[in-house]
All heavy atoms as atom14 arrays in JSON, in Angstrom:
{
  "sequence": "DCHMSKTWFQNLYRKYFDTTFQADLILFRVEYAKKILLQSDEK",
  "atom14_mask": [
    [1, 1, 1, 1, 1, 1, 1, 1, 0, 0, 0, 0, 0, 0],
    [1, 1, 1, 1, 1, 1, 0, 0, 0, 0, 0, 0, 0, 0],
    [1, 1, 1, 1, 1, 1, 1, 1, 1, 1, 0, 0, 0, 0],
    [1, 1, 1, 1, 1, 1, 1, 1, 0, 0, 0, 0, 0, 0],
    [1, 1, 1, 1, 1, 1, 0, 0, 0, 0, 0, 0, 0, 0],
    [1, 1, 1, 1, 1, 1, 1, 1, 1, 0, 0, 0, 0, 0],
    [1, 1, 1, 1, 1, 1, 1, 0, 0, 0, 0, 0, 0, 0],
    [1, 1, 1, 1, 1, 1, 1, 1, 1, 1, 1, 1, 1, 1],
    [1, 1, 1, 1, 1, 1, 1, 1, 1, 1, 1, 0, 0, 0],
    [1, 1, 1, 1, 1, 1, 1, 1, 1, 0, 0, 0, 0, 0],
    [1, 1, 1, 1, 1, 1, 1, 1, 0, 0, 0, 0, 0, 0],
    [1, 1, 1, 1, 1, 1, 1, 1, 0, 0, 0, 0, 0, 0],
    [1, 1, 1, 1, 1, 1, 1, 1, 1, 1, 1, 1, 0, 0],
    [1, 1, 1, 1, 1, 1, 1, 1, 1, 1, 1, 0, 0, 0],
    [1, 1, 1, 1, 1, 1, 1, 1, 1, 0, 0, 0, 0, 0],
    [1, 1, 1, 1, 1, 1, 1, 1, 1, 1, 1, 1, 0, 0],
    [1, 1, 1, 1, 1, 1, 1, 1, 1, 1, 1, 0, 0, 0],
    [1, 1, 1, 1, 1, 1, 1, 1, 0, 0, 0, 0, 0, 0],
    [1, 1, 1, 1, 1, 1, 1, 0, 0, 0, 0, 0, 0, 0],
    [1, 1, 1, 1, 1, 1, 1, 0, 0, 0, 0, 0, 0, 0],
    [1, 1, 1, 1, 1, 1, 1, 1, 1, 1, 1, 0, 0, 0],
    [1, 1, 1, 1, 1, 1, 1, 1, 1, 0, 0, 0, 0, 0],
    [1, 1, 1, 1, 1, 0, 0, 0, 0, 0, 0, 0, 0, 0],
    [1, 1, 1, 1, 1, 1, 1, 1, 0, 0, 0, 0, 0, 0],
    [1, 1, 1, 1, 1, 1, 1, 1, 0, 0, 0, 0, 0, 0],
    [1, 1, 1, 1, 1, 1, 1, 1, 0, 0, 0, 0, 0, 0],
    [1, 1, 1, 1, 1, 1, 1, 1, 0, 0, 0, 0, 0, 0],
    [1, 1, 1, 1, 1, 1, 1, 1, 1, 1, 1, 0, 0, 0],
    [1, 1, 1, 1, 1, 1, 1, 1, 1, 1, 1, 0, 0, 0],
    [1, 1, 1, 1, 1, 1, 1, 0, 0, 0, 0, 0, 0, 0],
    [1, 1, 1, 1, 1, 1, 1, 1, 1, 0, 0, 0, 0, 0],
    [1, 1, 1, 1, 1, 1, 1, 1, 1, 1, 1, 1, 0, 0],
    [1, 1, 1, 1, 1, 0, 0, 0, 0, 0, 0, 0, 0, 0],
    [1, 1, 1, 1, 1, 1, 1, 1, 1, 0, 0, 0, 0, 0],
    [1, 1, 1, 1, 1, 1, 1, 1, 1, 0, 0, 0, 0, 0],
    [1, 1, 1, 1, 1, 1, 1, 1, 0, 0, 0, 0, 0, 0],
    [1, 1, 1, 1, 1, 1, 1, 1, 0, 0, 0, 0, 0, 0],
    [1, 1, 1, 1, 1, 1, 1, 1, 0, 0, 0, 0, 0, 0],
    [1, 1, 1, 1, 1, 1, 1, 1, 1, 0, 0, 0, 0, 0],
    [1, 1, 1, 1, 1, 1, 0, 0, 0, 0, 0, 0, 0, 0],
    [1, 1, 1, 1, 1, 1, 1, 1, 0, 0, 0, 0, 0, 0],
    [1, 1, 1, 1, 1, 1, 1, 1, 1, 0, 0, 0, 0, 0],
    [1, 1, 1, 1, 1, 1, 1, 1, 1, 0, 0, 0, 0, 0]
  ],
  "atom14_positions": [
    [[0.83, -1.21, 0.0], [0.0, 0.0, 0.0], [0.86, 1.26, 0.0], [0.44, 2.31, -0.51], [-0.92, 0.01, 1.23], [-2.04, -1.0, 1.12], [-2.31, -1.48, 0.0], [-2.65, -1.33, 2.16], [0.0, 0.0, 0.0], [0.0, 0.0, 0.0], [0.0, 0.0, 0.0], [0.0, 0.0, 0.0], [0.0, 0.0, 0.0], [0.0, 0.0, 0.0]],
    [[2.04, 1.18, 0.59], [2.96, 2.33, 0.64], [3.87, 2.38, -0.59], [4.75, 3.26, -0.67], [3.82, 2.26, 1.89], [2.91, 2.47, 3.43], [0.0, 0.0, 0.0], [0.0, 0.0, 0.0], [0.0, 0.0, 0.0], [0.0, 0.0, 0.0], [0.0, 0.0, 0.0], [0.0, 0.0, 0.0], [0.0, 0.0, 0.0], [0.0, 0.0, 0.0]],
    [[3.68, 1.44, -1.52], [4.49, 1.36, -2.74], [5.97, 1.17, -2.4], [6.85, 1.83, -2.96], [4.29, 2.6, -3.61], [2.84, 2.88, -3.93], [2.1, 2.08, -4.77], [2.0, 3.85, -3.47], [0.86, 2.56, -4.84], [0.78, 3.61, -4.05], [0.0, 0.0, 0.0], [0.0, 0.0, 0.0], [0.0, 0.0, 0.0], [0.0, 0.0, 0.0]],
    [[6.24, 0.29, -1.44], [7.6, 0.0, -1.01], [7.8, -1.5, -0.96], [6.85, -2.27, -0.82], [7.86, 0.56, 0.41], [7.73, 2.04, 0.56], [8.05, 2.51, 2.29], [7.6, 4.25, 2.24], [0.0, 0.0, 0.0], [0.0, 0.0, 0.0], [0.0, 0.0, 0.0], [0.0, 0.0, 0.0], [0.0, 0.0, 0.0], [0.0, 0.0, 0.0]],
    [[9.07, -1.91, -1.05], [9.39, -3.3, -0.76], [9.32, -3.51, 0.75], [9.39, -2.56, 1.53], [10.8, -3.63, -1.25], [11.77, -2.94, -0.46], [0.0, 0.0, 0.0], [0.0, 0.0, 0.0], [0.0, 0.0, 0.0], [0.0, 0.0, 0.0], [0.0, 0.0, 0.0], [0.0, 0.0, 0.0], [0.0, 0.0, 0.0], [0.0, 0.0, 0.0]],
    [[9.19, -4.77, 1.17], [9.14, -5.05, 2.61], [10.41, -4.6, 3.31], [10.37, -4.03, 4.4], [8.92, -6.55, 2.85], [7.56, -7.05, 2.47], [7.33, -8.45, 3.0], [8.29, -9.46, 2.4], [8.02, -10.83, 2.89], [0.0, 0.0, 0.0], [0.0, 0.0, 0.0], [0.0, 0.0, 0.0], [0.0, 0.0, 0.0], [0.0, 0.0, 0.0]],
    [[11.56, -4.82, 2.68], [12.84, -4.44, 3.29], [12.95, -2.93, 3.45], [13.37, -2.42, 4.51], [14.01, -4.97, 2.45], [13.92, -6.39, 2.35], [15.34, -4.58, 3.07], [0.0, 0.0, 0.0], [0.0, 0.0, 0.0], [0.0, 0.0, 0.0], [0.0, 0.0, 0.0], [0.0, 0.0, 0.0], [0.0, 0.0, 0.0], [0.0, 0.0, 0.0]],
    [[12.57, -2.2, 2.42], [12.65, -0.74, 2.46], [11.7, -0.19, 3.53], [12.07, 0.68, 4.32], [12.3, -0.18, 1.08], [12.53, 1.29, 0.93], [13.32, 2.09, 1.71], [11.98, 2.14, -0.07], [13.3, 3.39, 1.27], [12.48, 3.45, 0.18], [11.13, 1.94, -1.15], [12.14, 4.54, -0.63], [10.8, 3.02, -1.96], [11.29, 4.29, -1.7]],
    [[10.48, -0.72, 3.56], [9.51, -0.28, 4.56], [10.05, -0.53, 5.96], [10.0, 0.34, 6.83], [8.19, -1.03, 4.36], [7.15, -0.71, 5.4], [6.27, 0.35, 5.23], [7.05, -1.47, 6.56], [5.32, 0.65, 6.18], [6.11, -1.18, 7.53], [5.24, -0.11, 7.34], [0.0, 0.0, 0.0], [0.0, 0.0, 0.0], [0.0, 0.0, 0.0]],
    [[10.58, -1.72, 6.23], [11.09, -2.06, 7.56], [12.25, -1.17, 7.96], [12.33, -0.72, 9.11], [11.52, -3.53, 7.6], [10.36, -4.52, 7.58], [10.85, -5.95, 7.48], [11.54, -6.32, 6.55], [10.5, -6.76, 8.48], [0.0, 0.0, 0.0], [0.0, 0.0, 0.0], [0.0, 0.0, 0.0], [0.0, 0.0, 0.0], [0.0, 0.0, 0.0]],
    [[13.14, -0.89, 7.02], [14.3, -0.04, 7.33], [13.86, 1.38, 7.67], [14.38, 1.98, 8.62], [15.26, -0.02, 6.14], [16.01, -1.33, 5.98], [16.1, -2.12, 6.92], [16.56, -1.56, 4.81], [0.0, 0.0, 0.0], [0.0, 0.0, 0.0], [0.0, 0.0, 0.0], [0.0, 0.0, 0.0], [0.0, 0.0, 0.0], [0.0, 0.0, 0.0]],
    [[12.93, 1.94, 6.9], [12.45, 3.29, 7.17], [11.68, 3.34, 8.49], [11.81, 4.3, 9.26], [11.58, 3.79, 6.02], [12.29, 4.17, 4.73], [11.29, 4.61, 3.67], [13.31, 5.28, 4.97], [0.0, 0.0, 0.0], [0.0, 0.0, 0.0], [0.0, 0.0, 0.0], [0.0, 0.0, 0.0], [0.0, 0.0, 0.0], [0.0, 0.0, 0.0]],
    [[10.87, 2.32, 8.74], [10.08, 2.29, 9.97], [11.0, 2.32, 11.2], [10.78, 3.08, 12.14], [9.21, 1.04, 10.0], [8.03, 1.12, 10.94], [6.75, 1.41, 10.45], [8.18, 0.88, 12.3], [5.66, 1.47, 11.3], [7.09, 0.95, 13.15], [5.84, 1.24, 12.65], [4.75, 1.32, 13.5], [0.0, 0.0, 0.0], [0.0, 0.0, 0.0]],
    [[12.05, 1.51, 11.16], [12.99, 1.49, 12.28], [13.74, 2.82, 12.39], [13.98, 3.32, 13.5], [13.98, 0.34, 12.11], [14.96, 0.21, 13.28], [16.0, -0.87, 13.01], [15.44, -2.2, 13.06], [15.27, -2.89, 14.19], [15.62, -2.35, 15.35], [14.76, -4.1, 14.16], [0.0, 0.0, 0.0], [0.0, 0.0, 0.0], [0.0, 0.0, 0.0]],
    [[14.11, 3.39, 11.27], [14.83, 4.67, 11.27], [13.98, 5.77, 11.87], [14.45, 6.56, 12.7], [15.21, 5.03, 9.83], [15.88, 6.4, 9.69], [16.19, 6.7, 8.23], [16.78, 8.08, 8.06], [17.07, 8.38, 6.62], [0.0, 0.0, 0.0], [0.0, 0.0, 0.0], [0.0, 0.0, 0.0], [0.0, 0.0, 0.0], [0.0, 0.0, 0.0]],
    [[12.7, 5.85, 11.48], [11.84, 6.95, 11.93], [11.38, 6.79, 13.38], [11.28, 7.76, 14.12], [10.61, 7.05, 11.03], [10.9, 7.49, 9.6], [10.02, 7.14, 8.57], [12.03, 8.23, 9.28], [10.27, 7.54, 7.26], [12.27, 8.62, 7.97], [11.4, 8.27, 6.97], [11.64, 8.66, 5.67], [0.0, 0.0, 0.0], [0.0, 0.0, 0.0]],
    [[11.1, 5.55, 13.79], [10.43, 5.34, 15.08], [11.26, 4.55, 16.09], [10.79, 4.29, 17.19], [9.08, 4.64, 14.85], [8.24, 5.29, 13.8], [7.76, 4.56, 12.72], [7.94, 6.65, 13.86], [6.99, 5.16, 11.73], [7.18, 7.25, 12.88], [6.7, 6.51, 11.81], [0.0, 0.0, 0.0], [0.0, 0.0, 0.0], [0.0, 0.0, 0.0]],
    [[12.47, 4.15, 15.7], [13.38, 3.44, 16.6], [12.75, 2.16, 17.15], [12.98, 1.77, 18.29], [13.81, 4.36, 17.75], [15.05, 3.84, 18.46], [15.87, 3.18, 17.79], [15.2, 4.08, 19.67], [0.0, 0.0, 0.0], [0.0, 0.0, 0.0], [0.0, 0.0, 0.0], [0.0, 0.0, 0.0], [0.0, 0.0, 0.0], [0.0, 0.0, 0.0]],
    [[11.94, 1.53, 16.34], [11.34, 0.23, 16.67], [10.91, -0.42, 15.37], [11.05, 0.17, 14.29], [10.14, 0.4, 17.62], [9.7, -0.89, 18.08], [8.97, 1.11, 16.95], [0.0, 0.0, 0.0], [0.0, 0.0, 0.0], [0.0, 0.0, 0.0], [0.0, 0.0, 0.0], [0.0, 0.0, 0.0], [0.0, 0.0, 0.0], [0.0, 0.0, 0.0]],
    [[10.4, -1.64, 15.43], [9.97, -2.32, 14.22], [8.44, -2.28, 14.1], [7.73, -2.08, 15.08], [10.41, -3.79, 14.22], [9.74, -4.48, 15.29], [11.92, -3.89, 14.41], [0.0, 0.0, 0.0], [0.0, 0.0, 0.0], [0.0, 0.0, 0.0], [0.0, 0.0, 0.0], [0.0, 0.0, 0.0], [0.0, 0.0, 0.0], [0.0, 0.0, 0.0]],
    [[7.98, -2.52, 12.89], [6.54, -2.6, 12.65], [5.92, -3.7, 13.52], [4.88, -3.5, 14.16], [6.29, -2.89, 11.16], [4.98, -3.56, 10.88], [3.8, -2.83, 10.89], [4.91, -4.92, 10.61], [2.57, -3.45, 10.64], [3.7, -5.54, 10.35], [2.54, -4.8, 10.38], [0.0, 0.0, 0.0], [0.0, 0.0, 0.0], [0.0, 0.0, 0.0]],
    [[6.56, -4.86, 13.58], [6.0, -5.98, 14.33], [5.95, -5.68, 15.82], [4.97, -6.0, 16.5], [6.81, -7.25, 14.07], [6.14, -8.52, 14.57], [4.81, -8.8, 13.87], [4.66, -8.54, 12.67], [3.84, -9.31, 14.62], [0.0, 0.0, 0.0], [0.0, 0.0, 0.0], [0.0, 0.0, 0.0], [0.0, 0.0, 0.0], [0.0, 0.0, 0.0]],
    [[7.0, -5.03, 16.34], [7.03, -4.7, 17.77], [5.92, -3.7, 18.1], [5.27, -3.8, 19.15], [8.38, -4.11, 18.15], [0.0, 0.0, 0.0], [0.0, 0.0, 0.0], [0.0, 0.0, 0.0], [0.0, 0.0, 0.0], [0.0, 0.0, 0.0], [0.0, 0.0, 0.0], [0.0, 0.0, 0.0], [0.0, 0.0, 0.0], [0.0, 0.0, 0.0]],
    [[5.69, -2.72, 17.22], [4.61, -1.77, 17.43], [3.25, -2.46, 17.41], [2.38, -2.18, 18.24], [4.64, -0.67, 16.36], [5.29, 0.61, 16.87], [5.56, 0.72, 18.07], [5.5, 1.53, 16.04], [0.0, 0.0, 0.0], [0.0, 0.0, 0.0], [0.0, 0.0, 0.0], [0.0, 0.0, 0.0], [0.0, 0.0, 0.0], [0.0, 0.0, 0.0]],
    [[3.05, -3.35, 16.45], [1.77, -4.05, 16.34], [1.48, -4.84, 17.62], [0.36, -4.8, 18.15], [1.79, -4.99, 15.13], [0.53, -5.83, 14.9], [-0.7, -4.95, 14.75], [0.7, -6.73, 13.68], [0.0, 0.0, 0.0], [0.0, 0.0, 0.0], [0.0, 0.0, 0.0], [0.0, 0.0, 0.0], [0.0, 0.0, 0.0], [0.0, 0.0, 0.0]],
    [[2.49, -5.53, 18.14], [2.3, -6.28, 19.38], [1.99, -5.33, 20.54], [1.06, -5.57, 21.33], [3.56, -7.12, 19.69], [3.74, -8.21, 18.64], [3.48, -7.73, 21.09], [5.09, -8.92, 18.72], [0.0, 0.0, 0.0], [0.0, 0.0, 0.0], [0.0, 0.0, 0.0], [0.0, 0.0, 0.0], [0.0, 0.0, 0.0], [0.0, 0.0, 0.0]],
    [[2.77, -4.26, 20.65], [2.57, -3.31, 21.74], [1.17, -2.7, 21.7], [0.48, -2.64, 22.74], [3.61, -2.2, 21.66], [3.48, -1.08, 22.7], [3.66, -1.63, 24.11], [4.48, 0.02, 22.41], [0.0, 0.0, 0.0], [0.0, 0.0, 0.0], [0.0, 0.0, 0.0], [0.0, 0.0, 0.0], [0.0, 0.0, 0.0], [0.0, 0.0, 0.0]],
    [[0.72, -2.27, 20.54], [-0.59, -1.63, 20.43], [-1.72, -2.63, 20.69], [-2.75, -2.26, 21.27], [-0.76, -0.98, 19.05], [0.22, 0.13, 18.77], [0.65, 0.38, 17.48], [0.7, 0.93, 19.8], [1.55, 1.41, 17.23], [1.6, 1.96, 19.55], [2.03, 2.2, 18.26], [0.0, 0.0, 0.0], [0.0, 0.0, 0.0], [0.0, 0.0, 0.0]],
    [[-1.53, -3.87, 20.29], [-2.56, -4.89, 20.57], [-2.63, -5.19, 22.07], [-3.72, -5.35, 22.62], [-2.26, -6.17, 19.77], [-2.68, -6.07, 18.32], [-2.4, -7.33, 17.54], [-3.05, -7.27, 16.23], [-2.84, -8.14, 15.25], [-2.0, -9.16, 15.43], [-3.46, -8.02, 14.1], [0.0, 0.0, 0.0], [0.0, 0.0, 0.0], [0.0, 0.0, 0.0]],
    [[-1.48, -5.25, 22.71], [-1.47, -5.51, 24.15], [-2.09, -4.33, 24.91], [-2.88, -4.54, 25.85], [-0.04, -5.79, 24.65], [0.04, -5.76, 26.17], [0.44, -7.15, 24.12], [0.0, 0.0, 0.0], [0.0, 0.0, 0.0], [0.0, 0.0, 0.0], [0.0, 0.0, 0.0], [0.0, 0.0, 0.0], [0.0, 0.0, 0.0], [0.0, 0.0, 0.0]],
    [[-1.77, -3.09, 24.5], [-2.37, -1.92, 25.15], [-3.88, -1.93, 24.99], [-4.62, -1.6, 25.92], [-1.78, -0.64, 24.57], [-0.34, -0.38, 24.97], [-0.19, -0.24, 26.48], [-0.98, 0.49, 27.09], [0.72, -0.88, 27.05], [0.0, 0.0, 0.0], [0.0, 0.0, 0.0], [0.0, 0.0, 0.0], [0.0, 0.0, 0.0], [0.0, 0.0, 0.0]],
    [[-4.33, -2.32, 23.81], [-5.77, -2.4, 23.57], [-6.4, -3.51, 24.42], [-7.46, -3.33, 25.03], [-6.01, -2.66, 22.08], [-7.46, -2.63, 21.65], [-8.21, -1.46, 21.73], [-8.08, -3.78, 21.16], [-9.53, -1.44, 21.33], [-9.39, -3.76, 20.75], [-10.13, -2.59, 20.84], [-11.44, -2.56, 20.44], [0.0, 0.0, 0.0], [0.0, 0.0, 0.0]],
    [[-5.71, -4.65, 24.51], [-6.22, -5.77, 25.29], [-6.34, -5.4, 26.76], [-7.29, -5.82, 27.45], [-5.3, -6.98, 25.12], [0.0, 0.0, 0.0], [0.0, 0.0, 0.0], [0.0, 0.0, 0.0], [0.0, 0.0, 0.0], [0.0, 0.0, 0.0], [0.0, 0.0, 0.0], [0.0, 0.0, 0.0], [0.0, 0.0, 0.0], [0.0, 0.0, 0.0]],
    [[-5.4, -4.61, 27.28], [-5.43, -4.2, 28.68], [-6.73, -3.44, 28.99], [-7.36, -3.64, 30.03], [-4.22, -3.33, 29.0], [-2.93, -4.13, 29.13], [-1.69, -3.27, 28.99], [-1.54, -2.29, 30.12], [-0.25, -1.54, 30.01], [0.0, 0.0, 0.0], [0.0, 0.0, 0.0], [0.0, 0.0, 0.0], [0.0, 0.0, 0.0], [0.0, 0.0, 0.0]],
    [[-7.14, -2.59, 28.08], [-8.39, -1.84, 28.27], [-9.6, -2.78, 28.27], [-10.48, -2.66, 29.12], [-8.54, -0.79, 27.18], [-7.47, 0.28, 27.18], [-7.68, 1.25, 26.02], [-6.56, 2.27, 25.95], [-6.72, 3.18, 24.79], [0.0, 0.0, 0.0], [0.0, 0.0, 0.0], [0.0, 0.0, 0.0], [0.0, 0.0, 0.0], [0.0, 0.0, 0.0]],
    [[-9.61, -3.7, 27.31], [-10.75, -4.62, 27.2], [-10.84, -5.53, 28.41], [-11.93, -5.82, 28.92], [-10.65, -5.46, 25.91], [-10.58, -4.54, 24.68], [-11.83, -6.41, 25.8], [-11.77, -3.63, 24.5], [0.0, 0.0, 0.0], [0.0, 0.0, 0.0], [0.0, 0.0, 0.0], [0.0, 0.0, 0.0], [0.0, 0.0, 0.0], [0.0, 0.0, 0.0]],
    [[-9.71, -5.97, 28.91], [-9.7, -6.86, 30.08], [-10.33, -6.2, 31.3], [-11.02, -6.86, 32.09], [-8.26, -7.27, 30.42], [-7.63, -8.32, 29.5], [-6.12, -8.36, 29.71], [-8.24, -9.7, 29.74], [0.0, 0.0, 0.0], [0.0, 0.0, 0.0], [0.0, 0.0, 0.0], [0.0, 0.0, 0.0], [0.0, 0.0, 0.0], [0.0, 0.0, 0.0]],
    [[-10.1, -4.9, 31.47], [-10.64, -4.2, 32.64], [-12.04, -3.65, 32.41], [-12.72, -3.29, 33.36], [-9.69, -3.06, 33.03], [-8.26, -3.48, 33.4], [-7.46, -2.27, 33.86], [-8.26, -4.55, 34.48], [0.0, 0.0, 0.0], [0.0, 0.0, 0.0], [0.0, 0.0, 0.0], [0.0, 0.0, 0.0], [0.0, 0.0, 0.0], [0.0, 0.0, 0.0]],
    [[-12.46, -3.59, 31.16], [-13.77, -3.0, 30.86], [-14.84, -4.05, 30.58], [-16.01, -3.71, 30.4], [-13.65, -2.06, 29.64], [-12.82, -0.82, 29.91], [-12.57, 0.0, 28.67], [-13.02, -0.35, 27.57], [-11.84, 1.1, 28.8], [0.0, 0.0, 0.0], [0.0, 0.0, 0.0], [0.0, 0.0, 0.0], [0.0, 0.0, 0.0], [0.0, 0.0, 0.0]],
    [[-14.45, -5.32, 30.53], [-15.43, -6.36, 30.22], [-15.07, -7.65, 30.96], [-13.98, -7.79, 31.52], [-15.46, -6.64, 28.71], [-14.34, -7.42, 28.32], [0.0, 0.0, 0.0], [0.0, 0.0, 0.0], [0.0, 0.0, 0.0], [0.0, 0.0, 0.0], [0.0, 0.0, 0.0], [0.0, 0.0, 0.0], [0.0, 0.0, 0.0], [0.0, 0.0, 0.0]],
    [[-16.02, -8.58, 30.94], [-15.81, -9.9, 31.53], [-15.66, -10.97, 30.45], [-15.82, -12.17, 30.73], [-16.99, -10.26, 32.44], [-17.09, -9.32, 33.64], [-16.04, -8.94, 34.17], [-18.23, -8.96, 34.02], [0.0, 0.0, 0.0], [0.0, 0.0, 0.0], [0.0, 0.0, 0.0], [0.0, 0.0, 0.0], [0.0, 0.0, 0.0], [0.0, 0.0, 0.0]],
    [[-15.36, -10.56, 29.23], [-15.24, -11.51, 28.13], [-14.11, -12.5, 28.39], [-13.1, -12.19, 29.03], [-14.99, -10.77, 26.82], [-16.13, -9.85, 26.38], [-17.36, -10.61, 25.91], [-17.3, -11.87, 25.81], [-18.39, -9.95, 25.66], [0.0, 0.0, 0.0], [0.0, 0.0, 0.0], [0.0, 0.0, 0.0], [0.0, 0.0, 0.0], [0.0, 0.0, 0.0]],
    [[-14.26, -13.71, 27.85], [-13.25, -14.74, 28.0], [-12.02, -14.42, 27.15], [-12.1, -13.69, 26.16], [-13.82, -16.09, 27.61], [-14.93, -16.57, 28.56], [-15.45, -17.95, 28.15], [-16.52, -18.43, 29.13], [-17.05, -19.76, 28.75], [0.0, 0.0, 0.0], [0.0, 0.0, 0.0], [0.0, 0.0, 0.0], [0.0, 0.0, 0.0], [0.0, 0.0, 0.0]]
  ]
}
């Protein structure tokens, strides 16, 4: 979607944000899960 190769995208992502795309995805999912865990009784 960004018109980049995977390698180019990963290199720029790490350069700009000092982390990886995958690490951010995990972190944001865990942060979201923390809210859901405290706001609901879902399994």
